[in-house]
Protein backbone atom coordinates (compact mmCIF):
# COMPACT_ATOMS: atom_id res chain seq x y z
CA LEU A 1 83.87 112.01 58.84
CA ASP A 2 82.42 113.90 61.53
CA ALA A 3 79.58 112.03 61.83
CA ARG A 4 81.44 109.07 62.10
CA ASP A 5 83.90 110.59 65.41
CA ALA A 6 80.00 112.26 66.67
CA ASP A 7 78.53 107.60 66.40
CA TYR A 8 82.06 106.62 67.97
CA ASP A 9 82.16 109.65 71.27
CA LEU A 10 78.06 108.70 71.71
CA ALA A 11 78.68 104.95 71.90
CA VAL A 12 81.74 105.03 74.03
CA ALA A 13 79.82 107.42 76.22
CA GLN A 14 77.26 104.89 76.33
CA TYR A 15 79.44 102.50 77.06
CA ASN A 16 81.24 104.24 80.23
CA LYS A 17 77.21 104.77 81.36
CA SER A 18 76.43 100.92 81.16
CA LEU A 19 79.82 99.75 82.70
CA VAL A 20 79.37 102.56 85.54
CA ARG A 21 76.34 101.69 86.27
CA ALA A 22 77.35 97.52 85.78
CA LEU A 23 80.18 98.77 88.53
CA GLY A 24 77.43 100.08 90.85
CA GLU A 25 75.34 97.34 91.37
CA VAL A 26 78.10 95.06 92.19
CA SER A 27 79.42 97.54 94.57
CA ASP A 28 75.29 98.02 96.37
CA SER A 29 75.26 93.46 95.85
CA ILE A 30 78.69 92.71 97.77
CA ASP A 31 77.67 95.65 100.44
CA GLN A 32 73.99 94.00 100.87
CA LEU A 33 75.12 90.92 101.11
CA HIS A 34 77.88 91.32 103.67
CA ALA A 35 75.17 93.33 105.78
CA LEU A 36 73.33 90.53 105.38
CA GLY A 37 75.94 88.02 106.16
CA GLN A 38 76.30 89.97 109.51
CA GLN A 39 71.88 89.24 109.50
CA ILE A 40 71.81 86.06 109.16
CA ALA A 41 75.01 84.89 112.14
CA ALA A 42 73.01 86.92 114.55
CA LYS A 43 69.82 85.55 113.59
CA GLN A 44 71.80 81.28 113.90
CA HIS A 45 73.16 83.04 117.81
CA ALA A 46 69.67 83.86 118.33
CA THR A 47 68.30 80.39 117.24
CA ASP A 48 71.06 78.76 118.83
CA ILE A 49 69.74 80.22 121.64
CA ALA A 50 66.13 79.43 121.35
CA GLN A 51 66.82 75.76 120.47
CA GLN A 52 68.49 75.43 123.74
CA SER A 53 65.74 77.64 126.19
CA TYR A 54 63.73 75.07 124.24
CA ASP A 55 65.24 71.68 125.09
CA THR A 56 65.58 73.19 128.61
CA VAL A 57 62.28 74.05 128.81
CA MET A 58 61.48 69.44 127.43
CA GLN A 59 63.58 68.30 129.96
CA ARG A 60 61.91 70.35 132.58
CA TYR A 61 58.33 69.39 131.57
CA GLY A 62 60.29 65.36 130.92
CA SER A 63 60.80 65.29 134.73
CA GLY A 64 57.48 67.01 135.28
CA ILE A 65 59.15 70.18 136.59
CA GLY A 66 58.09 72.34 133.86
CA ASN A 67 54.45 72.77 132.58
CA TYR A 68 53.21 72.60 129.21
CA LEU A 69 52.16 76.00 128.44
CA ASP A 70 56.20 76.92 129.08
CA VAL A 71 57.04 74.73 126.27
CA LEU A 72 54.33 76.28 123.65
CA SER A 73 55.17 79.52 124.27
CA VAL A 74 59.39 78.84 124.05
CA GLU A 75 58.42 77.08 121.02
CA GLN A 76 56.56 79.66 119.45
CA GLN A 77 59.63 81.86 120.38
CA LEU A 78 62.64 79.07 118.34
CA LEU A 79 59.65 78.35 115.08
CA GLN A 80 59.59 82.41 114.95
CA SER A 81 63.55 83.05 115.18
CA GLN A 82 63.68 79.75 112.82
CA ARG A 83 61.52 81.19 109.99
CA GLN A 84 63.09 84.46 110.19
CA LEU A 85 66.36 82.38 109.88
CA ALA A 86 65.26 80.86 107.12
CA GLU A 87 63.78 83.94 105.38
CA LEU A 88 67.22 85.51 106.14
CA ASN A 89 68.46 82.91 103.88
CA ALA A 90 66.41 82.91 101.06
CA GLU A 91 67.26 86.71 100.75
CA GLN A 92 70.85 86.07 100.72
CA ILE A 93 70.15 83.50 97.80
CA ASP A 94 68.73 85.89 96.11
CA LEU A 95 71.11 88.55 96.34
CA SER A 96 73.57 86.08 95.19
CA ILE A 97 71.51 85.39 92.05
CA GLN A 98 71.40 89.28 91.90
CA LEU A 99 75.14 89.14 91.98
CA MET A 100 75.89 87.33 89.44
CA GLN A 101 73.81 88.57 86.89
CA ALA A 102 75.58 91.58 87.72
CA LEU A 103 78.58 90.59 86.92
CA GLY A 104 77.29 89.52 83.79
CA GLY A 105 76.37 85.92 84.75
CA GLY A 106 73.15 84.21 83.62
CA TYR A 107 70.23 82.25 85.14
CA GLN A 108 68.85 79.54 82.22
CA ALA A 109 65.86 77.52 83.96
CA ASP A 110 66.16 74.29 84.82
CA THR A 111 65.47 72.34 81.90
CA GLN A 112 63.45 68.92 83.08
CA ALA A 113 61.19 71.79 84.50
CA ALA A 114 60.72 73.62 81.49
CA ALA A 115 59.98 70.32 79.32
CA LEU A 116 56.92 69.41 81.41
CA PRO A 117 53.87 69.30 79.99
CA SER A 118 51.52 72.09 81.59
CA THR A 119 49.10 70.55 83.24
CA SER A 120 51.64 67.36 85.30
CA ARG A 121 53.63 71.20 86.55
CA ASN A 122 50.34 72.76 88.17
CA GLN A 123 49.21 68.88 90.13
C-alpha cells in the first residue's frame, strides 16, 4: 500500500511539474507575441513613411526635379523596411505556432506535399 501511495505521489508531482512548465511556456509565448505585435506596428508605421518618401521622390524624379540617385537611396530604405517587416511577420507566425503547441495543439504537415514523390519536390 505504501508503494502504491509513493507511486501515486510521484505521478502527481510529475504531472504538476509538467503543468507548471506548460503554463510557463504559454505565458512566455503570450508575452513574446505581445512585444512582437508592438514591434510590427512600429515597423509598419516606418514602412508606410518609407513608402511615402519613395512616392515623393519618384514624383520629383518624374517631374525632372530630383535625380535617380535619390530614388535609389530611398528605394533601398523602403526595401530594407519591407524586408524587416516580413521577417517580423514570419517570427510572429513562428511564435503563434509555438503558442498553439504549448496549449496542446499539434501541427500536421500538408498531406498533399507529403504524398508527392521526393523527386518532384526537389525540382
